Structures are given as C-alpha cells and as structure tokens.
Amino acid sequence: MLIDNGSAKKMPLNLRILVTIPLRYWKNYPQVRQEYQERFHEVMVDEYQDTNHIQERMLELLSNGYNRFMVGDIKQSIYRFRQADPQIFNEKNFIDFAQDDKEGQLILLKEKLPERFRGS
C-alpha cells in the first residue's frame, strides 16, 4: 500500500506512518484531541509492560489524565523485539497511586487474587 505525501513520490505505508498521523493531529489540534478524550470514559491497557514509547504517547494524549486503567506485570514482558520498553511501566510511580487518590487507585492483584488464580 502506498501513501501520497503530496509530492510526485509515493511512500510505502507502514504501521509507524499510520500511528504518527493521529498522534500529529492530537498533539497539534487540541480541539480534535478533546473530542477523542470525551469519547472515552476510560482508557484501559492490558499488558502495559509491553507498551512502547509511541503507544505511551498515544495513551497520554487520549486519556484525560485521570481515566487510564493499566494492567501489567513487568516479569512477563516479552515484546522488546517490537520496541516495547518495560521501563515505561517501571517508571510509573505506583507509590503515588497508593498514597494519593487524586493520582488514581493502585490495586495489587497479588494481594487480591488467590496465588493460582489462572489455574482455577
């Protein structure tokens, strides 16, 4: 598939280009970003430890700062070959979530679920 960039030269379309188009709009057009933020009551991310920097930026722009729900286990990170960066997950200051309700709520599944909940 090719994308017409306005010049005589056509560029191959790839995932990186597809992802950067909405990022550019959400970053440069606050009214467009706000429309998308208002569409989503919550923004949920499973396997957050396998998020890459582009995906993290998309989440930052799509969430309103208080509606992001993240699930992850850094020990299960397996997508570094797809530019996943487990440090994104690790750098979240989960202590802030635990101490300040304004930051969000921290739920430690290891304290809420039986030890072998997947095998049950």
N, C-alpha and C. Protein backbone atom coordinates (compact mmCIF):
# COMPACT_ATOMS: atom_id res chain seq x y z
N MET A 1 0.84 -1.17 0.00
CA MET A 1 0.00 0.00 0.00
C MET A 1 0.89 1.24 0.00
N LEU A 2 0.50 2.27 -0.75
CA LEU A 2 1.29 3.49 -0.85
C LEU A 2 0.49 4.68 -0.33
N ILE A 3 1.20 5.65 0.18
CA ILE A 3 0.56 6.89 0.63
C ILE A 3 1.09 8.04 -0.22
N ASP A 4 0.19 8.92 -0.61
CA ASP A 4 0.56 10.08 -1.41
C ASP A 4 0.90 11.21 -0.45
N ASN A 5 2.14 11.61 -0.40
CA ASN A 5 2.56 12.67 0.52
C ASN A 5 2.51 14.06 -0.11
N GLY A 6 1.84 14.19 -1.22
CA GLY A 6 1.69 15.48 -1.86
C GLY A 6 2.75 15.76 -2.92
N SER A 7 3.77 14.97 -2.97
CA SER A 7 4.80 15.15 -3.99
C SER A 7 4.59 14.09 -5.07
N ALA A 8 5.45 14.11 -6.06
CA ALA A 8 5.35 13.12 -7.14
C ALA A 8 5.75 11.74 -6.64
N LYS A 9 6.46 11.71 -5.53
CA LYS A 9 6.95 10.45 -4.98
C LYS A 9 5.93 9.87 -4.00
N LYS A 10 5.61 8.61 -4.16
CA LYS A 10 4.71 7.92 -3.23
C LYS A 10 5.55 7.12 -2.25
N MET A 11 5.10 7.11 -1.00
CA MET A 11 5.83 6.42 0.05
C MET A 11 5.10 5.14 0.45
N PRO A 12 5.83 4.09 0.81
CA PRO A 12 5.15 2.89 1.32
C PRO A 12 4.49 3.20 2.66
N LEU A 13 3.31 2.67 2.83
CA LEU A 13 2.56 2.88 4.07
C LEU A 13 2.93 1.78 5.05
N ASN A 14 3.31 2.16 6.24
CA ASN A 14 3.63 1.17 7.26
C ASN A 14 2.99 1.57 8.58
N LEU A 15 3.11 0.72 9.57
CA LEU A 15 2.46 0.97 10.85
C LEU A 15 2.96 2.26 11.50
N ARG A 16 4.23 2.53 11.40
CA ARG A 16 4.77 3.75 12.01
C ARG A 16 4.10 5.00 11.44
N ILE A 17 3.89 5.02 10.12
CA ILE A 17 3.21 6.16 9.50
C ILE A 17 1.75 6.22 9.96
N LEU A 18 1.09 5.08 9.96
CA LEU A 18 -0.32 5.04 10.38
C LEU A 18 -0.50 5.55 11.81
N VAL A 19 0.43 5.24 12.69
CA VAL A 19 0.33 5.66 14.09
C VAL A 19 0.65 7.14 14.25
N THR A 20 1.60 7.64 13.48
CA THR A 20 2.01 9.04 13.67
C THR A 20 0.97 10.03 13.15
N ILE A 21 0.11 9.61 12.25
CA ILE A 21 -0.91 10.54 11.73
C ILE A 21 -1.85 11.00 12.84
N PRO A 22 -2.50 10.09 13.58
CA PRO A 22 -3.36 10.59 14.67
C PRO A 22 -2.56 11.29 15.77
N LEU A 23 -1.35 10.82 16.03
CA LEU A 23 -0.53 11.50 17.05
C LEU A 23 -0.31 12.96 16.70
N ARG A 24 -0.02 13.20 15.45
CA ARG A 24 0.21 14.57 15.00
C ARG A 24 -1.04 15.43 15.19
N TYR A 25 -2.19 14.88 14.83
CA TYR A 25 -3.44 15.63 14.98
C TYR A 25 -3.76 15.87 16.45
N TRP A 26 -3.64 14.85 17.28
CA TRP A 26 -3.96 15.01 18.70
C TRP A 26 -3.02 15.99 19.37
N LYS A 27 -1.77 16.01 18.94
CA LYS A 27 -0.80 16.93 19.53
C LYS A 27 -1.02 18.37 19.06
N ASN A 28 -1.26 18.54 17.77
CA ASN A 28 -1.31 19.88 17.20
C ASN A 28 -2.69 20.53 17.19
N TYR A 29 -3.73 19.74 17.39
CA TYR A 29 -5.10 20.27 17.36
C TYR A 29 -5.82 19.89 18.64
N PRO A 30 -5.71 20.74 19.67
CA PRO A 30 -6.31 20.41 20.97
C PRO A 30 -7.81 20.12 20.89
N GLN A 31 -8.52 20.77 19.99
CA GLN A 31 -9.96 20.52 19.89
C GLN A 31 -10.24 19.10 19.39
N VAL A 32 -9.41 18.60 18.49
CA VAL A 32 -9.55 17.22 17.99
C VAL A 32 -9.23 16.26 19.13
N ARG A 33 -8.14 16.52 19.85
CA ARG A 33 -7.76 15.68 20.99
C ARG A 33 -8.88 15.64 22.02
N GLN A 34 -9.45 16.79 22.31
CA GLN A 34 -10.52 16.85 23.31
C GLN A 34 -11.75 16.05 22.88
N GLU A 35 -12.07 16.08 21.60
CA GLU A 35 -13.19 15.28 21.10
C GLU A 35 -12.95 13.80 21.35
N TYR A 36 -11.74 13.34 21.11
CA TYR A 36 -11.42 11.93 21.37
C TYR A 36 -11.41 11.63 22.86
N GLN A 37 -10.86 12.53 23.66
CA GLN A 37 -10.84 12.32 25.11
C GLN A 37 -12.26 12.20 25.66
N GLU A 38 -13.17 12.98 25.12
CA GLU A 38 -14.55 12.94 25.60
C GLU A 38 -15.29 11.68 25.17
N ARG A 39 -14.83 11.03 24.12
CA ARG A 39 -15.45 9.78 23.66
C ARG A 39 -15.21 8.63 24.62
N PHE A 40 -14.07 8.65 25.32
CA PHE A 40 -13.66 7.52 26.14
C PHE A 40 -13.79 7.86 27.62
N HIS A 41 -14.72 7.15 28.28
CA HIS A 41 -14.87 7.32 29.72
C HIS A 41 -13.62 6.79 30.43
N GLU A 42 -13.11 5.67 29.94
CA GLU A 42 -11.90 5.07 30.48
C GLU A 42 -11.01 4.60 29.34
N VAL A 43 -9.71 4.61 29.57
CA VAL A 43 -8.75 4.09 28.61
C VAL A 43 -8.03 2.95 29.32
N MET A 44 -8.29 1.73 28.86
CA MET A 44 -7.74 0.54 29.51
C MET A 44 -6.64 -0.07 28.66
N VAL A 45 -5.53 -0.41 29.32
CA VAL A 45 -4.40 -1.03 28.64
C VAL A 45 -4.03 -2.30 29.39
N ASP A 46 -4.14 -3.43 28.70
CA ASP A 46 -3.69 -4.69 29.28
C ASP A 46 -2.27 -4.94 28.77
N GLU A 47 -1.52 -5.70 29.52
CA GLU A 47 -0.11 -6.00 29.18
C GLU A 47 0.69 -4.70 29.04
N TYR A 48 0.48 -3.80 29.98
CA TYR A 48 1.10 -2.47 29.93
C TYR A 48 2.63 -2.54 29.91
N GLN A 49 3.18 -3.61 30.46
CA GLN A 49 4.64 -3.75 30.47
C GLN A 49 5.20 -3.88 29.06
N ASP A 50 4.37 -4.18 28.08
CA ASP A 50 4.82 -4.32 26.69
C ASP A 50 4.46 -3.11 25.83
N THR A 51 4.28 -1.97 26.47
CA THR A 51 3.99 -0.73 25.76
C THR A 51 5.29 -0.14 25.22
N ASN A 52 5.21 0.45 24.02
CA ASN A 52 6.39 1.16 23.51
C ASN A 52 6.15 2.67 23.65
N HIS A 53 7.13 3.46 23.28
CA HIS A 53 7.05 4.91 23.52
C HIS A 53 5.96 5.59 22.68
N ILE A 54 5.75 5.10 21.47
CA ILE A 54 4.68 5.68 20.64
C ILE A 54 3.32 5.38 21.25
N GLN A 55 3.13 4.14 21.69
CA GLN A 55 1.86 3.78 22.32
C GLN A 55 1.64 4.58 23.61
N GLU A 56 2.70 4.77 24.37
CA GLU A 56 2.58 5.55 25.61
C GLU A 56 2.16 6.99 25.30
N ARG A 57 2.73 7.55 24.26
CA ARG A 57 2.35 8.92 23.87
C ARG A 57 0.88 8.98 23.45
N MET A 58 0.43 7.96 22.71
CA MET A 58 -0.98 7.89 22.33
C MET A 58 -1.87 7.84 23.57
N LEU A 59 -1.49 7.05 24.55
CA LEU A 59 -2.27 6.95 25.78
C LEU A 59 -2.30 8.27 26.53
N GLU A 60 -1.17 8.94 26.58
CA GLU A 60 -1.12 10.25 27.25
C GLU A 60 -2.07 11.23 26.59
N LEU A 61 -2.10 11.22 25.27
CA LEU A 61 -2.95 12.17 24.54
C LEU A 61 -4.42 11.78 24.58
N LEU A 62 -4.73 10.50 24.59
CA LEU A 62 -6.13 10.05 24.59
C LEU A 62 -6.78 10.11 25.96
N SER A 63 -6.02 9.86 27.00
CA SER A 63 -6.61 9.89 28.34
C SER A 63 -6.66 11.34 28.82
N ASN A 64 -7.54 11.57 29.76
CA ASN A 64 -7.66 12.94 30.28
C ASN A 64 -6.78 13.16 31.50
N GLY A 65 -5.97 12.19 31.81
CA GLY A 65 -5.08 12.30 32.96
C GLY A 65 -5.60 11.57 34.18
N TYR A 66 -6.88 11.21 34.19
CA TYR A 66 -7.49 10.56 35.35
C TYR A 66 -8.26 9.30 34.98
N ASN A 67 -8.24 8.90 33.74
CA ASN A 67 -9.10 7.78 33.34
C ASN A 67 -8.32 6.63 32.70
N ARG A 68 -7.05 6.53 32.99
CA ARG A 68 -6.25 5.45 32.42
C ARG A 68 -6.21 4.28 33.40
N PHE A 69 -6.54 3.10 32.90
CA PHE A 69 -6.54 1.88 33.69
C PHE A 69 -5.48 0.96 33.08
N MET A 70 -4.45 0.66 33.87
CA MET A 70 -3.31 -0.09 33.35
C MET A 70 -3.16 -1.41 34.11
N VAL A 71 -2.96 -2.48 33.36
CA VAL A 71 -2.73 -3.80 33.95
C VAL A 71 -1.42 -4.32 33.38
N GLY A 72 -0.54 -4.78 34.25
CA GLY A 72 0.71 -5.31 33.73
C GLY A 72 1.51 -6.03 34.79
N ASP A 73 2.49 -6.76 34.34
CA ASP A 73 3.41 -7.48 35.20
C ASP A 73 4.77 -7.43 34.50
N ILE A 74 5.67 -6.66 35.05
CA ILE A 74 6.96 -6.44 34.38
C ILE A 74 7.72 -7.74 34.16
N LYS A 75 7.46 -8.75 34.97
CA LYS A 75 8.14 -10.04 34.81
C LYS A 75 7.67 -10.78 33.57
N GLN A 76 6.57 -10.33 32.97
CA GLN A 76 6.03 -11.01 31.80
C GLN A 76 6.29 -10.25 30.50
N SER A 77 7.17 -9.30 30.51
CA SER A 77 7.47 -8.53 29.30
C SER A 77 8.18 -9.41 28.28
N ILE A 78 7.60 -9.49 27.07
CA ILE A 78 8.18 -10.37 26.04
C ILE A 78 8.32 -9.68 24.69
N TYR A 79 7.96 -8.41 24.57
CA TYR A 79 7.93 -7.78 23.25
C TYR A 79 9.00 -6.72 23.02
N ARG A 80 10.17 -6.90 23.58
CA ARG A 80 11.25 -5.94 23.33
C ARG A 80 11.61 -5.88 21.85
N PHE A 81 11.45 -7.00 21.15
CA PHE A 81 11.77 -7.02 19.72
C PHE A 81 10.80 -6.14 18.93
N ARG A 82 9.69 -5.74 19.53
CA ARG A 82 8.74 -4.80 18.91
C ARG A 82 8.85 -3.41 19.53
N GLN A 83 10.01 -3.12 20.08
CA GLN A 83 10.33 -1.84 20.72
C GLN A 83 9.54 -1.60 22.01
N ALA A 84 8.97 -2.64 22.61
CA ALA A 84 8.35 -2.48 23.93
C ALA A 84 9.45 -2.10 24.91
N ASP A 85 9.11 -1.21 25.82
CA ASP A 85 10.08 -0.78 26.83
C ASP A 85 9.46 -0.98 28.21
N PRO A 86 9.83 -2.05 28.90
CA PRO A 86 9.26 -2.31 30.23
C PRO A 86 9.52 -1.19 31.22
N GLN A 87 10.52 -0.36 30.95
CA GLN A 87 10.80 0.75 31.87
C GLN A 87 9.67 1.78 31.89
N ILE A 88 8.89 1.85 30.82
CA ILE A 88 7.72 2.75 30.82
C ILE A 88 6.81 2.35 31.98
N PHE A 89 6.57 1.05 32.08
CA PHE A 89 5.76 0.52 33.18
C PHE A 89 6.46 0.73 34.51
N ASN A 90 7.73 0.43 34.54
CA ASN A 90 8.50 0.50 35.78
C ASN A 90 8.63 1.94 36.30
N GLU A 91 8.64 2.93 35.41
CA GLU A 91 8.84 4.31 35.82
C GLU A 91 7.58 4.97 36.37
N LYS A 92 6.43 4.32 36.20
CA LYS A 92 5.22 4.86 36.81
C LYS A 92 5.43 4.82 38.31
N ASN A 93 5.12 5.90 38.95
CA ASN A 93 5.32 5.95 40.39
C ASN A 93 4.08 5.41 41.08
N PHE A 94 4.03 4.10 41.21
CA PHE A 94 2.85 3.46 41.78
C PHE A 94 2.64 3.83 43.24
N ILE A 95 3.68 4.27 43.91
CA ILE A 95 3.54 4.72 45.29
C ILE A 95 2.60 5.92 45.35
N ASP A 96 2.70 6.84 44.36
CA ASP A 96 1.78 7.97 44.31
C ASP A 96 0.34 7.51 44.20
N PHE A 97 0.10 6.48 43.39
CA PHE A 97 -1.26 5.96 43.25
C PHE A 97 -1.76 5.41 44.59
N ALA A 98 -0.89 4.76 45.33
CA ALA A 98 -1.27 4.15 46.59
C ALA A 98 -1.53 5.21 47.66
N GLN A 99 -0.83 6.34 47.60
CA GLN A 99 -0.91 7.34 48.66
C GLN A 99 -1.87 8.48 48.37
N ASP A 100 -2.18 8.74 47.12
CA ASP A 100 -2.98 9.91 46.76
C ASP A 100 -4.09 9.52 45.80
N ASP A 101 -5.34 9.59 46.26
CA ASP A 101 -6.48 9.21 45.42
C ASP A 101 -6.59 10.09 44.18
N LYS A 102 -6.04 11.29 44.20
CA LYS A 102 -6.10 12.16 43.03
C LYS A 102 -5.28 11.57 41.88
N GLU A 103 -4.23 10.85 42.23
CA GLU A 103 -3.37 10.24 41.22
C GLU A 103 -4.02 9.01 40.61
N GLY A 104 -4.91 8.38 41.34
CA GLY A 104 -5.56 7.16 40.88
C GLY A 104 -5.58 6.15 41.99
N GLN A 105 -5.93 4.95 41.65
CA GLN A 105 -6.02 3.89 42.65
C GLN A 105 -5.10 2.75 42.25
N LEU A 106 -4.33 2.27 43.20
CA LEU A 106 -3.44 1.14 42.97
C LEU A 106 -4.09 -0.11 43.54
N ILE A 107 -4.24 -1.11 42.70
CA ILE A 107 -4.79 -2.39 43.14
C ILE A 107 -3.73 -3.45 42.85
N LEU A 108 -3.18 -4.02 43.89
CA LEU A 108 -2.17 -5.05 43.71
C LEU A 108 -2.88 -6.39 43.64
N LEU A 109 -2.88 -6.99 42.45
CA LEU A 109 -3.61 -8.23 42.26
C LEU A 109 -3.06 -9.37 43.10
N LYS A 110 -1.77 -9.33 43.37
CA LYS A 110 -1.20 -10.42 44.17
C LYS A 110 -1.79 -10.44 45.57
N GLU A 111 -2.34 -9.30 46.02
CA GLU A 111 -2.97 -9.25 47.33
C GLU A 111 -4.46 -9.55 47.26
N LYS A 112 -5.05 -9.45 46.07
CA LYS A 112 -6.49 -9.61 45.91
C LYS A 112 -6.90 -10.97 45.35
N LEU A 113 -6.00 -11.65 44.67
CA LEU A 113 -6.33 -12.90 43.99
C LEU A 113 -5.63 -14.08 44.65
N PRO A 114 -6.24 -15.26 44.54
CA PRO A 114 -5.52 -16.44 45.05
C PRO A 114 -4.22 -16.64 44.29
N GLU A 115 -3.29 -17.29 44.91
CA GLU A 115 -1.97 -17.46 44.32
C GLU A 115 -2.03 -18.12 42.94
N ARG A 116 -2.93 -19.06 42.75
CA ARG A 116 -3.01 -19.76 41.46
C ARG A 116 -4.34 -19.44 40.78
N PHE A 117 -4.66 -18.19 40.62
CA PHE A 117 -5.97 -17.83 40.08
C PHE A 117 -6.13 -18.23 38.63
N ARG A 118 -5.07 -18.31 37.84
CA ARG A 118 -5.19 -18.67 36.42
C ARG A 118 -5.51 -20.15 36.24
N GLY A 119 -5.06 -20.97 37.16
CA GLY A 119 -5.29 -22.40 37.05
C GLY A 119 -6.63 -22.84 37.62
N SER A 120 -7.34 -21.92 38.24
CA SER A 120 -8.62 -22.30 38.87
C SER A 120 -9.71 -22.48 37.86
